[in-house]
Amino acid sequence: MPVQTVAGLTIGAVEVDNGTAMLDLFLSMAESEQGLTGILEYNTDLFNAETIACFIGHFQTLLAGIVAHPDQTISTLPLLTTAEQQLLVDWNQTDAEYPQQALLHPLFEQQVARSPMQLP
């Protein structure tokens, strides 16, 4: 994972193999001369690398939110990345009026009439 800098916060990853994880998921954070450092260990029988990368992305978003808005409570800070927010919320605005008393088969027939499938 590349090093990222957001609002004065530099985030990077260092892979360390400690053999076997003692817990299913373990995060340890500490202050050092370099700043806030941490180690995330996980059980590879339960989590794959993509899931952990997603978890780390959410944690980075949360940390950046804390730095950018230190006066907000943690429950109001974002966890989703911009792309996830767009996918989940912005692109999912699919509310539509639906006739509550209509039967399914006439609605299906109307849809077929509007956009019939053309077979080869």
PDB file of N, CA and C in Angstrom:
ATOM      1  N   MET A   1       0.854  -1.173   0.000  1.00  0.00           N
ATOM      2  CA  MET A   1       0.000   0.000   0.000  1.00  0.00           C
ATOM      3  C   MET A   1       0.902   1.239   0.000  1.00  0.00           C
ATOM      4  N   PRO A   2       0.683   2.181  -0.904  1.00  0.00           N
ATOM      5  CA  PRO A   2       1.546   3.355  -0.988  1.00  0.00           C
ATOM      6  C   PRO A   2       1.343   4.295   0.195  1.00  0.00           C
ATOM      7  N   VAL A   3       2.348   5.122   0.434  1.00  0.00           N
ATOM      8  CA  VAL A   3       2.261   6.121   1.489  1.00  0.00           C
ATOM      9  C   VAL A   3       1.308   7.209   1.027  1.00  0.00           C
ATOM     10  N   GLN A   4       0.424   7.648   1.915  1.00  0.00           N
ATOM     11  CA  GLN A   4      -0.538   8.703   1.607  1.00  0.00           C
ATOM     12  C   GLN A   4      -0.414   9.792   2.650  1.00  0.00           C
ATOM     13  N   THR A   5      -0.613  11.026   2.233  1.00  0.00           N
ATOM     14  CA  THR A   5      -0.625  12.152   3.163  1.00  0.00           C
ATOM     15  C   THR A   5      -1.958  12.858   3.014  1.00  0.00           C
ATOM     16  N   VAL A   6      -2.703  12.960   4.114  1.00  0.00           N
ATOM     17  CA  VAL A   6      -4.000  13.614   4.126  1.00  0.00           C
ATOM     18  C   VAL A   6      -4.062  14.525   5.340  1.00  0.00           C
ATOM     19  N   ALA A   7      -4.276  15.799   5.112  1.00  0.00           N
ATOM     20  CA  ALA A   7      -4.429  16.776   6.198  1.00  0.00           C
ATOM     21  C   ALA A   7      -3.303  16.663   7.224  1.00  0.00           C
ATOM     22  N   GLY A   8      -2.057  16.535   6.750  1.00  0.00           N
ATOM     23  CA  GLY A   8      -0.914  16.452   7.651  1.00  0.00           C
ATOM     24  C   GLY A   8      -0.686  15.079   8.245  1.00  0.00           C
ATOM     25  N   LEU A   9      -1.484  14.106   7.854  1.00  0.00           N
ATOM     26  CA  LEU A   9      -1.374  12.739   8.354  1.00  0.00           C
ATOM     27  C   LEU A   9      -0.752  11.881   7.267  1.00  0.00           C
ATOM     28  N   THR A  10       0.383  11.248   7.563  1.00  0.00           N
ATOM     29  CA  THR A  10       1.042  10.366   6.600  1.00  0.00           C
ATOM     30  C   THR A  10       0.744   8.928   6.984  1.00  0.00           C
ATOM     31  N   ILE A  11       0.215   8.176   6.011  1.00  0.00           N
ATOM     32  CA  ILE A  11      -0.215   6.803   6.259  1.00  0.00           C
ATOM     33  C   ILE A  11       0.501   5.887   5.283  1.00  0.00           C
ATOM     34  N   GLY A  12       1.099   4.831   5.791  1.00  0.00           N
ATOM     35  CA  GLY A  12       1.782   3.858   4.946  1.00  0.00           C
ATOM     36  C   GLY A  12       1.663   2.482   5.563  1.00  0.00           C
ATOM     37  N   ALA A  13       2.109   1.486   4.836  1.00  0.00           N
ATOM     38  CA  ALA A  13       2.019   0.108   5.320  1.00  0.00           C
ATOM     39  C   ALA A  13       3.390  -0.538   5.288  1.00  0.00           C
ATOM     40  N   VAL A  14       3.633  -1.370   6.286  1.00  0.00           N
ATOM     41  CA  VAL A  14       4.842  -2.180   6.352  1.00  0.00           C
ATOM     42  C   VAL A  14       4.396  -3.594   6.683  1.00  0.00           C
ATOM     43  N   GLU A  15       4.744  -4.553   5.826  1.00  0.00           N
ATOM     44  CA  GLU A  15       4.352  -5.935   6.079  1.00  0.00           C
ATOM     45  C   GLU A  15       5.354  -6.592   7.020  1.00  0.00           C
ATOM     46  N   VAL A  16       4.821  -7.244   8.057  1.00  0.00           N
ATOM     47  CA  VAL A  16       5.633  -7.960   9.034  1.00  0.00           C
ATOM     48  C   VAL A  16       4.993  -9.328   9.227  1.00  0.00           C
ATOM     49  N   ASP A  17       5.773 -10.377   9.114  1.00  0.00           N
ATOM     50  CA  ASP A  17       5.254 -11.724   9.316  1.00  0.00           C
ATOM     51  C   ASP A  17       5.688 -12.203  10.695  1.00  0.00           C
ATOM     52  N   ASN A  18       4.719 -12.293  11.613  1.00  0.00           N
ATOM     53  CA  ASN A  18       4.998 -12.768  12.967  1.00  0.00           C
ATOM     54  C   ASN A  18       4.681 -14.249  13.125  1.00  0.00           C
ATOM     55  N   GLY A  19       4.478 -14.932  12.022  1.00  0.00           N
ATOM     56  CA  GLY A  19       4.141 -16.354  12.099  1.00  0.00           C
ATOM     57  C   GLY A  19       2.649 -16.540  12.174  1.00  0.00           C
ATOM     58  N   THR A  20       2.143 -16.859  13.346  1.00  0.00           N
ATOM     59  CA  THR A  20       0.726 -17.130  13.549  1.00  0.00           C
ATOM     60  C   THR A  20       0.087 -16.018  14.362  1.00  0.00           C
ATOM     61  N   ALA A  21      -1.051 -15.535  13.912  1.00  0.00           N
ATOM     62  CA  ALA A  21      -1.773 -14.506  14.661  1.00  0.00           C
ATOM     63  C   ALA A  21      -2.361 -15.122  15.928  1.00  0.00           C
ATOM     64  N   MET A  22      -2.174 -14.452  17.048  1.00  0.00           N
ATOM     65  CA  MET A  22      -2.687 -14.960  18.312  1.00  0.00           C
ATOM     66  C   MET A  22      -4.190 -14.712  18.460  1.00  0.00           C
ATOM     67  N   LEU A  23      -4.686 -13.670  17.786  1.00  0.00           N
ATOM     68  CA  LEU A  23      -6.105 -13.325  17.835  1.00  0.00           C
ATOM     69  C   LEU A  23      -6.648 -13.275  16.414  1.00  0.00           C
ATOM     70  N   ASP A  24      -7.960 -13.260  16.277  1.00  0.00           N
ATOM     71  CA  ASP A  24      -8.558 -13.183  14.944  1.00  0.00           C
ATOM     72  C   ASP A  24      -8.203 -11.872  14.255  1.00  0.00           C
ATOM     73  N   LEU A  25      -8.251 -10.771  15.016  1.00  0.00           N
ATOM     74  CA  LEU A  25      -7.923  -9.452  14.496  1.00  0.00           C
ATOM     75  C   LEU A  25      -7.360  -8.633  15.646  1.00  0.00           C
ATOM     76  N   PHE A  26      -6.181  -8.051  15.430  1.00  0.00           N
ATOM     77  CA  PHE A  26      -5.508  -7.326  16.506  1.00  0.00           C
ATOM     78  C   PHE A  26      -4.873  -6.067  15.939  1.00  0.00           C
ATOM     79  N   LEU A  27      -5.193  -4.922  16.540  1.00  0.00           N
ATOM     80  CA  LEU A  27      -4.609  -3.638  16.151  1.00  0.00           C
ATOM     81  C   LEU A  27      -3.949  -3.036  17.371  1.00  0.00           C
ATOM     82  N   SER A  28      -2.668  -2.693  17.230  1.00  0.00           N
ATOM     83  CA  SER A  28      -1.933  -2.048  18.308  1.00  0.00           C
ATOM     84  C   SER A  28      -1.389  -0.731  17.770  1.00  0.00           C
ATOM     85  N   MET A  29      -1.646   0.367  18.474  1.00  0.00           N
ATOM     86  CA  MET A  29      -1.178   1.699  18.060  1.00  0.00           C
ATOM     87  C   MET A  29      -0.337   2.294  19.185  1.00  0.00           C
ATOM     88  N   ALA A  30       0.701   3.026  18.795  1.00  0.00           N
ATOM     89  CA  ALA A  30       1.566   3.680  19.776  1.00  0.00           C
ATOM     90  C   ALA A  30       2.187   4.923  19.148  1.00  0.00           C
ATOM     91  N   GLU A  31       2.530   5.875  20.002  1.00  0.00           N
ATOM     92  CA  GLU A  31       3.252   7.062  19.524  1.00  0.00           C
ATOM     93  C   GLU A  31       4.737   6.756  19.516  1.00  0.00           C
ATOM     94  N   SER A  32       5.416   7.226  18.479  1.00  0.00           N
ATOM     95  CA  SER A  32       6.859   7.049  18.380  1.00  0.00           C
ATOM     96  C   SER A  32       7.458   8.352  17.866  1.00  0.00           C
ATOM     97  N   GLU A  33       8.778   8.351  17.656  1.00  0.00           N
ATOM     98  CA  GLU A  33       9.431   9.541  17.115  1.00  0.00           C
ATOM     99  C   GLU A  33       8.924   9.853  15.710  1.00  0.00           C
ATOM    100  N   GLN A  34       8.510   8.829  14.971  1.00  0.00           N
ATOM    101  CA  GLN A  34       7.988   9.017  13.621  1.00  0.00           C
ATOM    102  C   GLN A  34       6.529   9.469  13.622  1.00  0.00           C
ATOM    103  N   GLY A  35       5.862   9.412  14.747  1.00  0.00           N
ATOM    104  CA  GLY A  35       4.448   9.753  14.856  1.00  0.00           C
ATOM    105  C   GLY A  35       3.679   8.566  15.394  1.00  0.00           C
ATOM    106  N   LEU A  36       2.439   8.454  15.011  1.00  0.00           N
ATOM    107  CA  LEU A  36       1.592   7.352  15.442  1.00  0.00           C
ATOM    108  C   LEU A  36       1.885   6.146  14.551  1.00  0.00           C
ATOM    109  N   THR A  37       2.283   5.047  15.158  1.00  0.00           N
ATOM    110  CA  THR A  37       2.571   3.830  14.398  1.00  0.00           C
ATOM    111  C   THR A  37       1.669   2.720  14.899  1.00  0.00           C
ATOM    112  N   GLY A  38       1.497   1.715  14.076  1.00  0.00           N
ATOM    113  CA  GLY A  38       0.619   0.632  14.487  1.00  0.00           C
ATOM    114  C   GLY A  38       0.935  -0.663  13.776  1.00  0.00           C
ATOM    115  N   ILE A  39       0.430  -1.736  14.350  1.00  0.00           N
ATOM    116  CA  ILE A  39       0.554  -3.068  13.774  1.00  0.00           C
ATOM    117  C   ILE A  39      -0.836  -3.679  13.744  1.00  0.00           C
ATOM    118  N   LEU A  40      -1.192  -4.230  12.598  1.00  0.00           N
ATOM    119  CA  LEU A  40      -2.463  -4.926  12.443  1.00  0.00           C
ATOM    120  C   LEU A  40      -2.154  -6.378  12.107  1.00  0.00           C
ATOM    121  N   GLU A  41      -2.565  -7.276  12.987  1.00  0.00           N
ATOM    122  CA  GLU A  41      -2.404  -8.707  12.750  1.00  0.00           C
ATOM    123  C   GLU A  41      -3.788  -9.297  12.539  1.00  0.00           C
ATOM    124  N   TYR A  42      -3.856 -10.301  11.651  1.00  0.00           N
ATOM    125  CA  TYR A  42      -5.143 -10.941  11.409  1.00  0.00           C
ATOM    126  C   TYR A  42      -4.954 -12.414  11.078  1.00  0.00           C
ATOM    127  N   ASN A  43      -5.973 -13.166  11.352  1.00  0.00           N
ATOM    128  CA  ASN A  43      -5.988 -14.594  11.090  1.00  0.00           C
ATOM    129  C   ASN A  43      -6.320 -14.797   9.611  1.00  0.00           C
ATOM    130  N   THR A  44      -5.387 -15.348   8.846  1.00  0.00           N
ATOM    131  CA  THR A  44      -5.587 -15.535   7.408  1.00  0.00           C
ATOM    132  C   THR A  44      -6.586 -16.647   7.097  1.00  0.00           C
ATOM    133  N   ASP A  45      -6.959 -17.437   8.097  1.00  0.00           N
ATOM    134  CA  ASP A  45      -8.026 -18.422   7.890  1.00  0.00           C
ATOM    135  C   ASP A  45      -9.399 -17.743   7.877  1.00  0.00           C
ATOM    136  N   LEU A  46      -9.485 -16.545   8.473  1.00  0.00           N
ATOM    137  CA  LEU A  46     -10.756 -15.825   8.558  1.00  0.00           C
ATOM    138  C   LEU A  46     -10.844 -14.637   7.613  1.00  0.00           C
ATOM    139  N   PHE A  47      -9.714 -13.974   7.354  1.00  0.00           N
ATOM    140  CA  PHE A  47      -9.698 -12.759   6.548  1.00  0.00           C
ATOM    141  C   PHE A  47      -8.723 -12.923   5.395  1.00  0.00           C
ATOM    142  N   ASN A  48      -9.112 -12.439   4.212  1.00  0.00           N
ATOM    143  CA  ASN A  48      -8.161 -12.422   3.106  1.00  0.00           C
ATOM    144  C   ASN A  48      -7.546 -11.018   3.004  1.00  0.00           C
ATOM    145  N   ALA A  49      -6.527 -10.885   2.194  1.00  0.00           N
ATOM    146  CA  ALA A  49      -5.796  -9.623   2.091  1.00  0.00           C
ATOM    147  C   ALA A  49      -6.695  -8.487   1.598  1.00  0.00           C
ATOM    148  N   GLU A  50      -7.639  -8.787   0.697  1.00  0.00           N
ATOM    149  CA  GLU A  50      -8.526  -7.752   0.174  1.00  0.00           C
ATOM    150  C   GLU A  50      -9.444  -7.202   1.271  1.00  0.00           C
ATOM    151  N   THR A  51      -9.941  -8.073   2.134  1.00  0.00           N
ATOM    152  CA  THR A  51     -10.800  -7.634   3.238  1.00  0.00           C
ATOM    153  C   THR A  51     -10.022  -6.740   4.188  1.00  0.00           C
ATOM    154  N   ILE A  52      -8.802  -7.125   4.507  1.00  0.00           N
ATOM    155  CA  ILE A  52      -7.967  -6.331   5.410  1.00  0.00           C
ATOM    156  C   ILE A  52      -7.605  -4.997   4.760  1.00  0.00           C
ATOM    157  N   ALA A  53      -7.317  -5.001   3.455  1.00  0.00           N
ATOM    158  CA  ALA A  53      -7.024  -3.748   2.748  1.00  0.00           C
ATOM    159  C   ALA A  53      -8.223  -2.811   2.815  1.00  0.00           C
ATOM    160  N   CYS A  54      -9.424  -3.360   2.680  1.00  0.00           N
ATOM    161  CA  CYS A  54     -10.642  -2.561   2.793  1.00  0.00           C
ATOM    162  C   CYS A  54     -10.786  -2.005   4.215  1.00  0.00           C
ATOM    163  N   PHE A  55     -10.533  -2.856   5.203  1.00  0.00           N
ATOM    164  CA  PHE A  55     -10.577  -2.424   6.604  1.00  0.00           C
ATOM    165  C   PHE A  55      -9.583  -1.287   6.850  1.00  0.00           C
ATOM    166  N   ILE A  56      -8.375  -1.427   6.327  1.00  0.00           N
ATOM    167  CA  ILE A  56      -7.349  -0.397   6.504  1.00  0.00           C
ATOM    168  C   ILE A  56      -7.769   0.898   5.803  1.00  0.00           C
ATOM    169  N   GLY A  57      -8.374   0.773   4.623  1.00  0.00           N
ATOM    170  CA  GLY A  57      -8.878   1.958   3.927  1.00  0.00           C
ATOM    171  C   GLY A  57      -9.913   2.697   4.749  1.00  0.00           C
ATOM    172  N   HIS A  58     -10.810   1.960   5.391  1.00  0.00           N
ATOM    173  CA  HIS A  58     -11.814   2.590   6.249  1.00  0.00           C
ATOM    174  C   HIS A  58     -11.157   3.244   7.466  1.00  0.00           C
ATOM    175  N   PHE A  59     -10.160   2.574   8.019  1.00  0.00           N
ATOM    176  CA  PHE A  59      -9.461   3.130   9.180  1.00  0.00           C
ATOM    177  C   PHE A  59      -8.706   4.401   8.787  1.00  0.00           C
ATOM    178  N   GLN A  60      -8.086   4.406   7.609  1.00  0.00           N
ATOM    179  CA  GLN A  60      -7.397   5.599   7.122  1.00  0.00           C
ATOM    180  C   GLN A  60      -8.376   6.752   6.927  1.00  0.00           C
ATOM    181  N   THR A  61      -9.555   6.442   6.381  1.00  0.00           N
ATOM    182  CA  THR A  61     -10.578   7.474   6.200  1.00  0.00           C
ATOM    183  C   THR A  61     -10.994   8.041   7.548  1.00  0.00           C
ATOM    184  N   LEU A  62     -11.155   7.163   8.535  1.00  0.00           N
ATOM    185  CA  LEU A  62     -11.509   7.611   9.882  1.00  0.00           C
ATOM    186  C   LEU A  62     -10.408   8.478  10.476  1.00  0.00           C
ATOM    187  N   LEU A  63      -9.144   8.049  10.369  1.00  0.00           N
ATOM    188  CA  LEU A  63      -8.035   8.843  10.909  1.00  0.00           C
ATOM    189  C   LEU A  63      -7.932  10.204  10.232  1.00  0.00           C
ATOM    190  N   ALA A  64      -8.104  10.234   8.918  1.00  0.00           N
ATOM    191  CA  ALA A  64      -8.068  11.513   8.193  1.00  0.00           C
ATOM    192  C   ALA A  64      -9.215  12.407   8.651  1.00  0.00           C
ATOM    193  N   GLY A  65     -10.370  11.811   8.904  1.00  0.00           N
ATOM    194  CA  GLY A  65     -11.505  12.579   9.412  1.00  0.00           C
ATOM    195  C   GLY A  65     -11.247  13.145  10.794  1.00  0.00           C
ATOM    196  N   ILE A  66     -10.565  12.376  11.638  1.00  0.00           N
ATOM    197  CA  ILE A  66     -10.217  12.853  12.979  1.00  0.00           C
ATOM    198  C   ILE A  66      -9.264  14.041  12.890  1.00  0.00           C
ATOM    199  N   VAL A  67      -8.266  13.951  12.010  1.00  0.00           N
ATOM    200  CA  VAL A  67      -7.301  15.046  11.845  1.00  0.00           C
ATOM    201  C   VAL A  67      -7.985  16.285  11.273  1.00  0.00           C
ATOM    202  N   ALA A  68      -8.863  16.076  10.278  1.00  0.00           N
ATOM    203  CA  ALA A  68      -9.520  17.206   9.629  1.00  0.00           C
ATOM    204  C   ALA A  68     -10.600  17.846  10.497  1.00  0.00           C
ATOM    205  N   HIS A  69     -11.246  17.044  11.344  1.00  0.00           N
ATOM    206  CA  HIS A  69     -12.357  17.543  12.175  1.00  0.00           C
ATOM    207  C   HIS A  69     -12.213  17.047  13.608  1.00  0.00           C
ATOM    208  N   PRO A  70     -11.211  17.529  14.343  1.00  0.00           N
ATOM    209  CA  PRO A  70     -10.966  17.015  15.707  1.00  0.00           C
ATOM    210  C   PRO A  70     -12.088  17.336  16.694  1.00  0.00           C
ATOM    211  N   ASP A  71     -12.969  18.263  16.353  1.00  0.00           N
ATOM    212  CA  ASP A  71     -14.047  18.654  17.257  1.00  0.00           C
ATOM    213  C   ASP A  71     -15.281  17.753  17.123  1.00  0.00           C
ATOM    214  N   GLN A  72     -15.331  16.902  16.108  1.00  0.00           N
ATOM    215  CA  GLN A  72     -16.493  16.040  15.908  1.00  0.00           C
ATOM    216  C   GLN A  72     -16.373  14.755  16.717  1.00  0.00           C
ATOM    217  N   THR A  73     -17.526  14.211  17.067  1.00  0.00           N
ATOM    218  CA  THR A  73     -17.525  12.916  17.747  1.00  0.00           C
ATOM    219  C   THR A  73     -17.217  11.828  16.730  1.00  0.00           C
ATOM    220  N   ILE A  74     -16.646  10.743  17.190  1.00  0.00           N
ATOM    221  CA  ILE A  74     -16.206   9.682  16.288  1.00  0.00           C
ATOM    222  C   ILE A  74     -17.372   9.070  15.518  1.00  0.00           C
ATOM    223  N   SER A  75     -18.557   9.065  16.100  1.00  0.00           N
ATOM    224  CA  SER A  75     -19.713   8.465  15.424  1.00  0.00           C
ATOM    225  C   SER A  75     -20.180   9.276  14.223  1.00  0.00           C
ATOM    226  N   THR A  76     -19.768  10.535  14.120  1.00  0.00           N
ATOM    227  CA  THR A  76     -20.184  11.372  12.990  1.00  0.00           C
ATOM    228  C   THR A  76     -19.131  11.433  11.886  1.00  0.00           C
ATOM    229  N   LEU A  77     -17.983  10.813  12.104  1.00  0.00           N
ATOM    230  CA  LEU A  77     -16.911  10.843  11.109  1.00  0.00           C
ATOM    231  C   LEU A  77     -17.117   9.757  10.065  1.00  0.00           C
ATOM    232  N   PRO A  78     -16.645   9.987   8.851  1.00  0.00           N
ATOM    233  CA  PRO A  78     -16.855   9.006   7.782  1.00  0.00           C
ATOM    234  C   PRO A  78     -15.938   7.795   7.923  1.00  0.00           C
ATOM    235  N   LEU A  79     -16.423   6.650   7.456  1.00  0.00           N
ATOM    236  CA  LEU A  79     -15.622   5.429   7.350  1.00  0.00           C
ATOM    237  C   LEU A  79     -15.426   5.037   5.888  1.00  0.00           C
ATOM    238  N   LEU A  80     -16.411   5.368   5.065  1.00  0.00           N
ATOM    239  CA  LEU A  80     -16.365   4.969   3.660  1.00  0.00           C
ATOM    240  C   LEU A  80     -15.437   5.879   2.869  1.00  0.00           C
ATOM    241  N   THR A  81     -14.727   5.285   1.934  1.00  0.00           N
ATOM    242  CA  THR A  81     -13.912   6.078   1.017  1.00  0.00           C
ATOM    243  C   THR A  81     -14.854   6.850   0.100  1.00  0.00           C
ATOM    244  N   THR A  82     -14.325   7.816  -0.621  1.00  0.00           N
ATOM    245  CA  THR A  82     -15.147   8.604  -1.534  1.00  0.00           C
ATOM    246  C   THR A  82     -15.829   7.717  -2.566  1.00  0.00           C
ATOM    247  N   ALA A  83     -15.091   6.758  -3.121  1.00  0.00           N
ATOM    248  CA  ALA A  83     -15.666   5.856  -4.126  1.00  0.00           C
ATOM    249  C   ALA A  83     -16.782   5.002  -3.527  1.00  0.00           C
ATOM    250  N   GLU A  84     -16.590   4.495  -2.307  1.00  0.00           N
ATOM    251  CA  GLU A  84     -17.620   3.684  -1.659  1.00  0.00           C
ATOM    252  C   GLU A  84     -18.853   4.518  -1.341  1.00  0.00           C
ATOM    253  N   GLN A  85     -18.630   5.742  -0.880  1.00  0.00           N
ATOM    254  CA  GLN A  85     -19.737   6.654  -0.585  1.00  0.00           C
ATOM    255  C   GLN A  85     -20.557   6.899  -1.849  1.00  0.00           C
ATOM    256  N   GLN A  86     -19.854   7.132  -2.965  1.00  0.00           N
ATOM    257  CA  GLN A  86     -20.532   7.375  -4.227  1.00  0.00           C
ATOM    258  C   GLN A  86     -21.335   6.155  -4.657  1.00  0.00           C
ATOM    259  N   LEU A  87     -20.745   4.988  -4.551  1.00  0.00           N
ATOM    260  CA  LEU A  87     -21.416   3.758  -4.952  1.00  0.00           C
ATOM    261  C   LEU A  87     -22.617   3.450  -4.065  1.00  0.00           C
ATOM    262  N   LEU A  88     -22.436   3.560  -2.762  1.00  0.00           N
ATOM    263  CA  LEU A  88     -23.477   3.173  -1.819  1.00  0.00           C
ATOM    264  C   LEU A  88     -24.611   4.178  -1.736  1.00  0.00           C
ATOM    265  N   VAL A  89     -24.285   5.458  -1.729  1.00  0.00           N
ATOM    266  CA  VAL A  89     -25.297   6.487  -1.491  1.00  0.00           C
ATOM    267  C   VAL A  89     -25.674   7.212  -2.775  1.00  0.00           C
ATOM    268  N   ASP A  90     -24.705   7.847  -3.400  1.00  0.00           N
ATOM    269  CA  ASP A  90     -25.003   8.717  -4.530  1.00  0.00           C
ATOM    270  C   ASP A  90     -25.599   7.959  -5.712  1.00  0.00           C
ATOM    271  N   TRP A  91     -25.005   6.829  -6.075  1.00  0.00           N
ATOM    272  CA  TRP A  91     -25.477   6.082  -7.239  1.00  0.00           C
ATOM    273  C   TRP A  91     -26.641   5.159  -6.911  1.00  0.00           C
ATOM    274  N   ASN A  92     -27.020   5.111  -5.658  1.00  0.00           N
ATOM    275  CA  ASN A  92     -28.092   4.216  -5.246  1.00  0.00           C
ATOM    276  C   ASN A  92     -29.395   4.976  -4.994  1.00  0.00           C
ATOM    277  N   GLN A  93     -29.498   6.171  -5.528  1.00  0.00           N
ATOM    278  CA  GLN A  93     -30.726   6.954  -5.399  1.00  0.00           C
ATOM    279  C   GLN A  93     -31.707   6.465  -6.456  1.00  0.00           C
ATOM    280  N   THR A  94     -32.363   5.360  -6.184  1.00  0.00           N
ATOM    281  CA  THR A  94     -33.214   4.708  -7.180  1.00  0.00           C
ATOM    282  C   THR A  94     -34.687   4.722  -6.795  1.00  0.00           C
ATOM    283  N   ASP A  95     -35.078   5.594  -5.884  1.00  0.00           N
ATOM    284  CA  ASP A  95     -36.483   5.662  -5.503  1.00  0.00           C
ATOM    285  C   ASP A  95     -37.329   5.977  -6.733  1.00  0.00           C
ATOM    286  N   ALA A  96     -38.434   5.284  -6.865  1.00  0.00           N
ATOM    287  CA  ALA A  96     -39.344   5.512  -7.980  1.00  0.00           C
ATOM    288  C   ALA A  96     -40.776   5.298  -7.501  1.00  0.00           C
ATOM    289  N   GLU A  97     -41.680   6.021  -8.115  1.00  0.00           N
ATOM    290  CA  GLU A  97     -43.090   5.834  -7.807  1.00  0.00           C
ATOM    291  C   GLU A  97     -43.519   4.458  -8.315  1.00  0.00           C
ATOM    292  N   TYR A  98     -44.265   3.765  -7.523  1.00  0.00           N
ATOM    293  CA  TYR A  98     -44.734   2.431  -7.895  1.00  0.00           C
ATOM    294  C   TYR A  98     -46.224   2.352  -7.581  1.00  0.00           C
ATOM    295  N   PRO A  99     -47.025   1.944  -8.562  1.00  0.00           N
ATOM    296  CA  PRO A  99     -48.468   1.836  -8.305  1.00  0.00           C
ATOM    297  C   PRO A  99     -48.756   0.728  -7.301  1.00  0.00           C
ATOM    298  N   GLN A 100     -49.216   1.087  -6.141  1.00  0.00           N
ATOM    299  CA  GLN A 100     -49.396   0.137  -5.045  1.00  0.00           C
ATOM    300  C   GLN A 100     -50.488  -0.906  -5.317  1.00  0.00           C
ATOM    301  N   GLN A 101     -51.523  -0.560  -6.073  1.00  0.00           N
ATOM    302  CA  GLN A 101     -52.636  -1.484  -6.300  1.00  0.00           C
ATOM    303  C   GLN A 101     -52.494  -2.291  -7.595  1.00  0.00           C
ATOM    304  N   ALA A 102     -51.440  -2.075  -8.349  1.00  0.00           N
ATOM    305  CA  ALA A 102     -51.279  -2.755  -9.636  1.00  0.00           C
ATOM    306  C   ALA A 102     -50.862  -4.209  -9.441  1.00  0.00           C
ATOM    307  N   LEU A 103     -51.276  -5.035 -10.370  1.00  0.00           N
ATOM    308  CA  LEU A 103     -50.869  -6.435 -10.374  1.00  0.00           C
ATOM    309  C   LEU A 103     -49.552  -6.564 -11.131  1.00  0.00           C
ATOM    310  N   LEU A 104     -48.797  -7.575 -10.818  1.00  0.00           N
ATOM    311  CA  LEU A 104     -47.468  -7.744 -11.399  1.00  0.00           C
ATOM    312  C   LEU A 104     -47.502  -8.039 -12.893  1.00  0.00           C
ATOM    313  N   HIS A 105     -48.394  -8.922 -13.338  1.00  0.00           N
ATOM    314  CA  HIS A 105     -48.361  -9.323 -14.747  1.00  0.00           C
ATOM    315  C   HIS A 105     -48.674  -8.179 -15.716  1.00  0.00           C
ATOM    316  N   PRO A 106     -49.611  -7.247 -15.438  1.00  0.00           N
ATOM    317  CA  PRO A 106     -49.779  -6.119 -16.374  1.00  0.00           C
ATOM    318  C   PRO A 106     -48.547  -5.193 -16.387  1.00  0.00           C
ATOM    319  N   LEU A 107     -47.888  -5.007 -15.245  1.00  0.00           N
ATOM    320  CA  LEU A 107     -46.670  -4.188 -15.203  1.00  0.00           C
ATOM    321  C   LEU A 107     -45.569  -4.837 -16.028  1.00  0.00           C
ATOM    322  N   PHE A 108     -45.454  -6.149 -15.940  1.00  0.00           N
ATOM    323  CA  PHE A 108     -44.469  -6.882 -16.721  1.00  0.00           C
ATOM    324  C   PHE A 108     -44.748  -6.715 -18.218  1.00  0.00           C
ATOM    325  N   GLU A 109     -45.998  -6.856 -18.598  1.00  0.00           N
ATOM    326  CA  GLU A 109     -46.380  -6.698 -20.005  1.00  0.00           C
ATOM    327  C   GLU A 109     -46.084  -5.289 -20.512  1.00  0.00           C
ATOM    328  N   GLN A 110     -46.346  -4.284 -19.677  1.00  0.00           N
ATOM    329  CA  GLN A 110     -46.060  -2.897 -20.065  1.00  0.00           C
ATOM    330  C   GLN A 110     -44.558  -2.696 -20.283  1.00  0.00           C
ATOM    331  N   GLN A 111     -43.755  -3.279 -19.407  1.00  0.00           N
ATOM    332  CA  GLN A 111     -42.303  -3.145 -19.546  1.00  0.00           C
ATOM    333  C   GLN A 111     -41.815  -3.832 -20.820  1.00  0.00           C
ATOM    334  N   VAL A 112     -42.359  -4.997 -21.129  1.00  0.00           N
ATOM    335  CA  VAL A 112     -41.985  -5.703 -22.353  1.00  0.00           C
ATOM    336  C   VAL A 112     -42.362  -4.875 -23.575  1.00  0.00           C
ATOM    337  N   ALA A 113     -43.510  -4.240 -23.532  1.00  0.00           N
ATOM    338  CA  ALA A 113     -43.938  -3.404 -24.655  1.00  0.00           C
ATOM    339  C   ALA A 113     -43.025  -2.185 -24.817  1.00  0.00           C
ATOM    340  N   ARG A 114     -42.536  -1.627 -23.700  1.00  0.00           N
ATOM    341  CA  ARG A 114     -41.638  -0.456 -23.749  1.00  0.00           C
ATOM    342  C   ARG A 114     -40.261  -0.817 -24.278  1.00  0.00           C
ATOM    343  N   SER A 115     -39.752  -1.968 -23.893  1.00  0.00           N
ATOM    344  CA  SER A 115     -38.395  -2.336 -24.321  1.00  0.00           C
ATOM    345  C   SER A 115     -38.343  -3.840 -24.600  1.00  0.00           C
ATOM    346  N   PRO A 116     -38.868  -4.245 -25.746  1.00  0.00           N
ATOM    347  CA  PRO A 116     -38.846  -5.670 -26.085  1.00  0.00           C
ATOM    348  C   PRO A 116     -37.417  -6.147 -26.377  1.00  0.00           C
ATOM    349  N   MET A 117     -37.166  -7.367 -26.004  1.00  0.00           N
ATOM    350  CA  MET A 117     -35.859  -7.965 -26.267  1.00  0.00           C
ATOM    351  C   MET A 117     -35.838  -8.510 -27.682  1.00  0.00           C
ATOM    352  N   GLN A 118     -34.825  -8.169 -28.417  1.00  0.00           N
ATOM    353  CA  GLN A 118     -34.711  -8.654 -29.781  1.00  0.00           C
ATOM    354  C   GLN A 118     -33.766  -9.836 -29.801  1.00  0.00           C
ATOM    355  N   LEU A 119     -34.252 -10.955 -30.276  1.00  0.00           N
ATOM    356  CA  LEU A 119     -33.430 -12.156 -30.342  1.00  0.00           C
ATOM    357  C   LEU A 119     -32.638 -12.156 -31.651  1.00  0.00           C
ATOM    358  N   PRO A 120     -31.454 -12.748 -31.661  1.00  0.00           N
ATOM    359  CA  PRO A 120     -30.631 -12.773 -32.874  1.00  0.00           C
ATOM    360  C   PRO A 120     -31.239 -13.609 -33.975  1.00  0.00           C
TER     361      PRO A 120
END
